[in-house]
PDB file of N, CA and C in Angstrom:
ATOM      1  N   MET A   1       0.813  -1.191   0.000  1.00  0.00           N
ATOM      2  CA  MET A   1       0.000   0.000   0.000  1.00  0.00           C
ATOM      3  C   MET A   1       0.863   1.265   0.000  1.00  0.00           C
ATOM      4  N   SER A   2       1.925   1.274   0.821  1.00  0.00           N
ATOM      5  CA  SER A   2       2.779   2.466   0.866  1.00  0.00           C
ATOM      6  C   SER A   2       3.506   2.687  -0.460  1.00  0.00           C
ATOM      7  N   HIS A   3       3.792   1.597  -1.164  1.00  0.00           N
ATOM      8  CA  HIS A   3       4.465   1.702  -2.465  1.00  0.00           C
ATOM      9  C   HIS A   3       3.666   2.593  -3.421  1.00  0.00           C
ATOM     10  N   SER A   4       2.365   2.372  -3.490  1.00  0.00           N
ATOM     11  CA  SER A   4       1.537   3.155  -4.417  1.00  0.00           C
ATOM     12  C   SER A   4       1.395   4.611  -3.959  1.00  0.00           C
ATOM     13  N   ILE A   5       1.373   4.852  -2.662  1.00  0.00           N
ATOM     14  CA  ILE A   5       1.283   6.225  -2.150  1.00  0.00           C
ATOM     15  C   ILE A   5       2.540   7.014  -2.499  1.00  0.00           C
ATOM     16  N   ILE A   6       3.697   6.403  -2.287  1.00  0.00           N
ATOM     17  CA  ILE A   6       4.962   7.077  -2.610  1.00  0.00           C
ATOM     18  C   ILE A   6       5.091   7.279  -4.110  1.00  0.00           C
ATOM     19  N   LYS A   7       4.700   6.278  -4.889  1.00  0.00           N
ATOM     20  CA  LYS A   7       4.774   6.413  -6.342  1.00  0.00           C
ATOM     21  C   LYS A   7       3.893   7.567  -6.817  1.00  0.00           C
ATOM     22  N   GLU A   8       2.731   7.720  -6.216  1.00  0.00           N
ATOM     23  CA  GLU A   8       1.816   8.798  -6.588  1.00  0.00           C
ATOM     24  C   GLU A   8       2.400  10.173  -6.233  1.00  0.00           C
ATOM     25  N   ARG A   9       3.047  10.278  -5.100  1.00  0.00           N
ATOM     26  CA  ARG A   9       3.550  11.579  -4.646  1.00  0.00           C
ATOM     27  C   ARG A   9       4.915  11.934  -5.205  1.00  0.00           C
ATOM     28  N   GLU A  10       5.816  10.952  -5.275  1.00  0.00           N
ATOM     29  CA  GLU A  10       7.180  11.234  -5.726  1.00  0.00           C
ATOM     30  C   GLU A  10       7.472  10.701  -7.114  1.00  0.00           C
ATOM     31  N   GLY A  11       6.677   9.770  -7.565  1.00  0.00           N
ATOM     32  CA  GLY A  11       6.890   9.185  -8.874  1.00  0.00           C
ATOM     33  C   GLY A  11       8.073   8.231  -8.888  1.00  0.00           C
ATOM     34  N   GLY A  12       8.144   7.440  -9.886  1.00  0.00           N
ATOM     35  CA  GLY A  12       9.285   6.550 -10.084  1.00  0.00           C
ATOM     36  C   GLY A  12       9.326   5.345  -9.165  1.00  0.00           C
ATOM     37  N   ILE A  13      10.496   4.723  -9.168  1.00  0.00           N
ATOM     38  CA  ILE A  13      10.736   3.491  -8.427  1.00  0.00           C
ATOM     39  C   ILE A  13      10.895   3.811  -6.946  1.00  0.00           C
ATOM     40  N   ASN A  14      10.358   2.930  -6.079  1.00  0.00           N
ATOM     41  CA  ASN A  14      10.547   3.087  -4.636  1.00  0.00           C
ATOM     42  C   ASN A  14      10.498   1.728  -3.969  1.00  0.00           C
ATOM     43  N   ASP A  15      10.923   1.690  -2.725  1.00  0.00           N
ATOM     44  CA  ASP A  15      10.916   0.434  -1.970  1.00  0.00           C
ATOM     45  C   ASP A  15       9.760   0.349  -0.980  1.00  0.00           C
ATOM     46  N   GLY A  16       8.828   1.270  -1.073  1.00  0.00           N
ATOM     47  CA  GLY A  16       7.706   1.304  -0.158  1.00  0.00           C
ATOM     48  C   GLY A  16       7.924   2.261   0.990  1.00  0.00           C
ATOM     49  N   LEU A  17       9.141   2.777   1.113  1.00  0.00           N
ATOM     50  CA  LEU A  17       9.458   3.744   2.161  1.00  0.00           C
ATOM     51  C   LEU A  17       9.941   5.070   1.591  1.00  0.00           C
ATOM     52  N   VAL A  18      10.755   4.998   0.543  1.00  0.00           N
ATOM     53  CA  VAL A  18      11.329   6.203  -0.054  1.00  0.00           C
ATOM     54  C   VAL A  18      11.607   5.940  -1.534  1.00  0.00           C
ATOM     55  N   SER A  19      11.503   6.988  -2.344  1.00  0.00           N
ATOM     56  CA  SER A  19      11.799   6.813  -3.763  1.00  0.00           C
ATOM     57  C   SER A  19      13.308   6.786  -3.988  1.00  0.00           C
ATOM     58  N   VAL A  20      13.719   6.227  -5.104  1.00  0.00           N
ATOM     59  CA  VAL A  20      15.143   6.170  -5.425  1.00  0.00           C
ATOM     60  C   VAL A  20      15.720   7.579  -5.529  1.00  0.00           C
ATOM     61  N   ALA A  21      14.977   8.499  -6.136  1.00  0.00           N
ATOM     62  CA  ALA A  21      15.456   9.878  -6.271  1.00  0.00           C
ATOM     63  C   ALA A  21      15.675  10.534  -4.911  1.00  0.00           C
ATOM     64  N   SER A  22      14.799  10.258  -3.949  1.00  0.00           N
ATOM     65  CA  SER A  22      14.931  10.850  -2.620  1.00  0.00           C
ATOM     66  C   SER A  22      16.050  10.210  -1.804  1.00  0.00           C
ATOM     67  N   SER A  23      16.372   8.964  -2.113  1.00  0.00           N
ATOM     68  CA  SER A  23      17.371   8.256  -1.307  1.00  0.00           C
ATOM     69  C   SER A  23      18.804   8.618  -1.688  1.00  0.00           C
ATOM     70  N   GLN A  24      19.000   9.229  -2.833  1.00  0.00           N
ATOM     71  CA  GLN A  24      20.356   9.555  -3.291  1.00  0.00           C
ATOM     72  C   GLN A  24      20.722  10.972  -2.880  1.00  0.00           C
ATOM     73  N   TRP A  25      21.879  11.107  -2.221  1.00  0.00           N
ATOM     74  CA  TRP A  25      22.354  12.427  -1.830  1.00  0.00           C
ATOM     75  C   TRP A  25      23.876  12.412  -1.804  1.00  0.00           C
ATOM     76  N   GLY A  26      24.448  13.542  -2.081  1.00  0.00           N
ATOM     77  CA  GLY A  26      25.909  13.653  -2.074  1.00  0.00           C
ATOM     78  C   GLY A  26      26.552  13.009  -3.280  1.00  0.00           C
ATOM     79  N   ASP A  27      27.876  12.989  -3.259  1.00  0.00           N
ATOM     80  CA  ASP A  27      28.670  12.375  -4.315  1.00  0.00           C
ATOM     81  C   ASP A  27      29.275  11.079  -3.812  1.00  0.00           C
ATOM     82  N   TYR A  28      29.262  10.063  -4.647  1.00  0.00           N
ATOM     83  CA  TYR A  28      29.830   8.772  -4.291  1.00  0.00           C
ATOM     84  C   TYR A  28      31.337   8.918  -4.136  1.00  0.00           C
ATOM     85  N   LYS A  29      31.855   8.540  -2.982  1.00  0.00           N
ATOM     86  CA  LYS A  29      33.288   8.663  -2.696  1.00  0.00           C
ATOM     87  C   LYS A  29      34.004   7.325  -2.720  1.00  0.00           C
ATOM     88  N   GLY A  30      33.266   6.240  -2.776  1.00  0.00           N
ATOM     89  CA  GLY A  30      33.882   4.924  -2.792  1.00  0.00           C
ATOM     90  C   GLY A  30      33.259   4.023  -1.748  1.00  0.00           C
ATOM     91  N   THR A  31      33.680   2.777  -1.734  1.00  0.00           N
ATOM     92  CA  THR A  31      33.164   1.784  -0.814  1.00  0.00           C
ATOM     93  C   THR A  31      34.240   1.387   0.174  1.00  0.00           C
ATOM     94  N   LEU A  32      33.894   1.380   1.448  1.00  0.00           N
ATOM     95  CA  LEU A  32      34.829   0.942   2.481  1.00  0.00           C
ATOM     96  C   LEU A  32      34.711  -0.560   2.645  1.00  0.00           C
ATOM     97  N   ILE A  33      35.844  -1.239   2.673  1.00  0.00           N
ATOM     98  CA  ILE A  33      35.864  -2.689   2.786  1.00  0.00           C
ATOM     99  C   ILE A  33      36.573  -3.056   4.084  1.00  0.00           C
ATOM    100  N   GLY A  34      36.026  -4.030   4.780  1.00  0.00           N
ATOM    101  CA  GLY A  34      36.657  -4.528   5.996  1.00  0.00           C
ATOM    102  C   GLY A  34      36.441  -3.642   7.216  1.00  0.00           C
ATOM    103  N   VAL A  35      35.383  -2.853   7.221  1.00  0.00           N
ATOM    104  CA  VAL A  35      35.084  -2.023   8.385  1.00  0.00           C
ATOM    105  C   VAL A  35      33.716  -2.413   8.939  1.00  0.00           C
ATOM    106  N   SER A  36      33.550  -2.165  10.227  1.00  0.00           N
ATOM    107  CA  SER A  36      32.264  -2.420  10.866  1.00  0.00           C
ATOM    108  C   SER A  36      31.606  -1.091  11.197  1.00  0.00           C
ATOM    109  N   HIS A  37      30.395  -1.164  11.677  1.00  0.00           N
ATOM    110  CA  HIS A  37      29.698   0.054  12.093  1.00  0.00           C
ATOM    111  C   HIS A  37      30.469   0.742  13.221  1.00  0.00           C
ATOM    112  N   LEU A  38      31.042  -0.055  14.122  1.00  0.00           N
ATOM    113  CA  LEU A  38      31.822   0.518  15.223  1.00  0.00           C
ATOM    114  C   LEU A  38      33.043   1.263  14.700  1.00  0.00           C
ATOM    115  N   ASP A  39      33.664   0.775  13.633  1.00  0.00           N
ATOM    116  CA  ASP A  39      34.783   1.489  13.014  1.00  0.00           C
ATOM    117  C   ASP A  39      34.323   2.837  12.473  1.00  0.00           C
ATOM    118  N   LEU A  40      33.174   2.864  11.839  1.00  0.00           N
ATOM    119  CA  LEU A  40      32.685   4.089  11.213  1.00  0.00           C
ATOM    120  C   LEU A  40      32.338   5.166  12.222  1.00  0.00           C
ATOM    121  N   ILE A  41      31.905   4.771  13.407  1.00  0.00           N
ATOM    122  CA  ILE A  41      31.576   5.775  14.426  1.00  0.00           C
ATOM    123  C   ILE A  41      32.706   5.915  15.444  1.00  0.00           C
ATOM    124  N   ASN A  42      33.867   5.342  15.149  1.00  0.00           N
ATOM    125  CA  ASN A  42      35.093   5.443  15.943  1.00  0.00           C
ATOM    126  C   ASN A  42      34.971   4.801  17.325  1.00  0.00           C
ATOM    127  N   TRP A  43      34.122   3.816  17.483  1.00  0.00           N
ATOM    128  CA  TRP A  43      33.998   3.161  18.779  1.00  0.00           C
ATOM    129  C   TRP A  43      35.071   2.110  18.995  1.00  0.00           C
ATOM    130  N   THR A  44      35.649   1.558  17.934  1.00  0.00           N
ATOM    131  CA  THR A  44      36.688   0.556  18.135  1.00  0.00           C
ATOM    132  C   THR A  44      37.876   1.185  18.849  1.00  0.00           C
ATOM    133  N   ASN A  45      38.236   2.414  18.468  1.00  0.00           N
ATOM    134  CA  ASN A  45      39.327   3.093  19.164  1.00  0.00           C
ATOM    135  C   ASN A  45      38.941   3.415  20.603  1.00  0.00           C
ATOM    136  N   ARG A  46      37.713   3.852  20.817  1.00  0.00           N
ATOM    137  CA  ARG A  46      37.263   4.162  22.179  1.00  0.00           C
ATOM    138  C   ARG A  46      37.295   2.921  23.056  1.00  0.00           C
ATOM    139  N   LEU A  47      36.887   1.772  22.509  1.00  0.00           N
ATOM    140  CA  LEU A  47      36.936   0.532  23.280  1.00  0.00           C
ATOM    141  C   LEU A  47      38.377   0.151  23.604  1.00  0.00           C
ATOM    142  N   LYS A  48      39.277   0.313  22.638  1.00  0.00           N
ATOM    143  CA  LYS A  48      40.700   0.028  22.892  1.00  0.00           C
ATOM    144  C   LYS A  48      41.226   0.926  23.992  1.00  0.00           C
ATOM    145  N   TRP A  49      40.909   2.228  23.906  1.00  0.00           N
ATOM    146  CA  TRP A  49      41.380   3.172  24.923  1.00  0.00           C
ATOM    147  C   TRP A  49      40.814   2.817  26.295  1.00  0.00           C
ATOM    148  N   PHE A  50      39.548   2.437  26.344  1.00  0.00           N
ATOM    149  CA  PHE A  50      38.915   2.063  27.606  1.00  0.00           C
ATOM    150  C   PHE A  50      39.640   0.877  28.240  1.00  0.00           C
ATOM    151  N   PHE A  51      39.918  -0.159  27.442  1.00  0.00           N
ATOM    152  CA  PHE A  51      40.592  -1.334  27.982  1.00  0.00           C
ATOM    153  C   PHE A  51      42.046  -1.042  28.341  1.00  0.00           C
ATOM    154  N   TRP A  52      42.698  -0.166  27.575  1.00  0.00           N
ATOM    155  CA  TRP A  52      44.058   0.234  27.935  1.00  0.00           C
ATOM    156  C   TRP A  52      44.067   0.938  29.279  1.00  0.00           C
ATOM    157  N   GLU A  53      43.089   1.799  29.511  1.00  0.00           N
ATOM    158  CA  GLU A  53      42.994   2.505  30.791  1.00  0.00           C
ATOM    159  C   GLU A  53      42.676   1.566  31.932  1.00  0.00           C
ATOM    160  N   LEU A  54      41.847   0.539  31.676  1.00  0.00           N
ATOM    161  CA  LEU A  54      41.535  -0.447  32.706  1.00  0.00           C
ATOM    162  C   LEU A  54      42.770  -1.244  33.117  1.00  0.00           C
ATOM    163  N   THR A  55      43.621  -1.559  32.161  1.00  0.00           N
ATOM    164  CA  THR A  55      44.804  -2.357  32.438  1.00  0.00           C
ATOM    165  C   THR A  55      45.997  -1.517  32.849  1.00  0.00           C
ATOM    166  N   GLY A  56      45.850  -0.189  32.829  1.00  0.00           N
ATOM    167  CA  GLY A  56      46.938   0.685  33.228  1.00  0.00           C
ATOM    168  C   GLY A  56      47.928   0.991  32.121  1.00  0.00           C
ATOM    169  N   SER A  57      47.632   0.537  30.913  1.00  0.00           N
ATOM    170  CA  SER A  57      48.515   0.820  29.778  1.00  0.00           C
ATOM    171  C   SER A  57      48.275   2.252  29.305  1.00  0.00           C
ATOM    172  N   LYS A  58      49.292   2.814  28.689  1.00  0.00           N
ATOM    173  CA  LYS A  58      49.151   4.157  28.131  1.00  0.00           C
ATOM    174  C   LYS A  58      48.889   4.048  26.644  1.00  0.00           C
ATOM    175  N   ARG A  59      48.020   4.896  26.145  1.00  0.00           N
ATOM    176  CA  ARG A  59      47.749   4.895  24.701  1.00  0.00           C
ATOM    177  C   ARG A  59      48.701   5.841  23.997  1.00  0.00           C
ATOM    178  N   LYS A  60      48.925   5.542  22.748  1.00  0.00           N
ATOM    179  CA  LYS A  60      49.851   6.348  21.953  1.00  0.00           C
ATOM    180  C   LYS A  60      49.111   7.426  21.213  1.00  0.00           C
TER     181      LYS A  60
END
């Protein structure tokens, strides 16, 4: 049902939530390989720093 509503309002192809035209923004810069969501939000470093502080190690 949502597919037809979006098609009527925005036109074109959609996934039932957003049209393809609305979903595209910015310029494609490339694809990151071998990273997790935690890497992208810099939590892997924060977790390393947290554990280093727990063990008394100094971070570089």
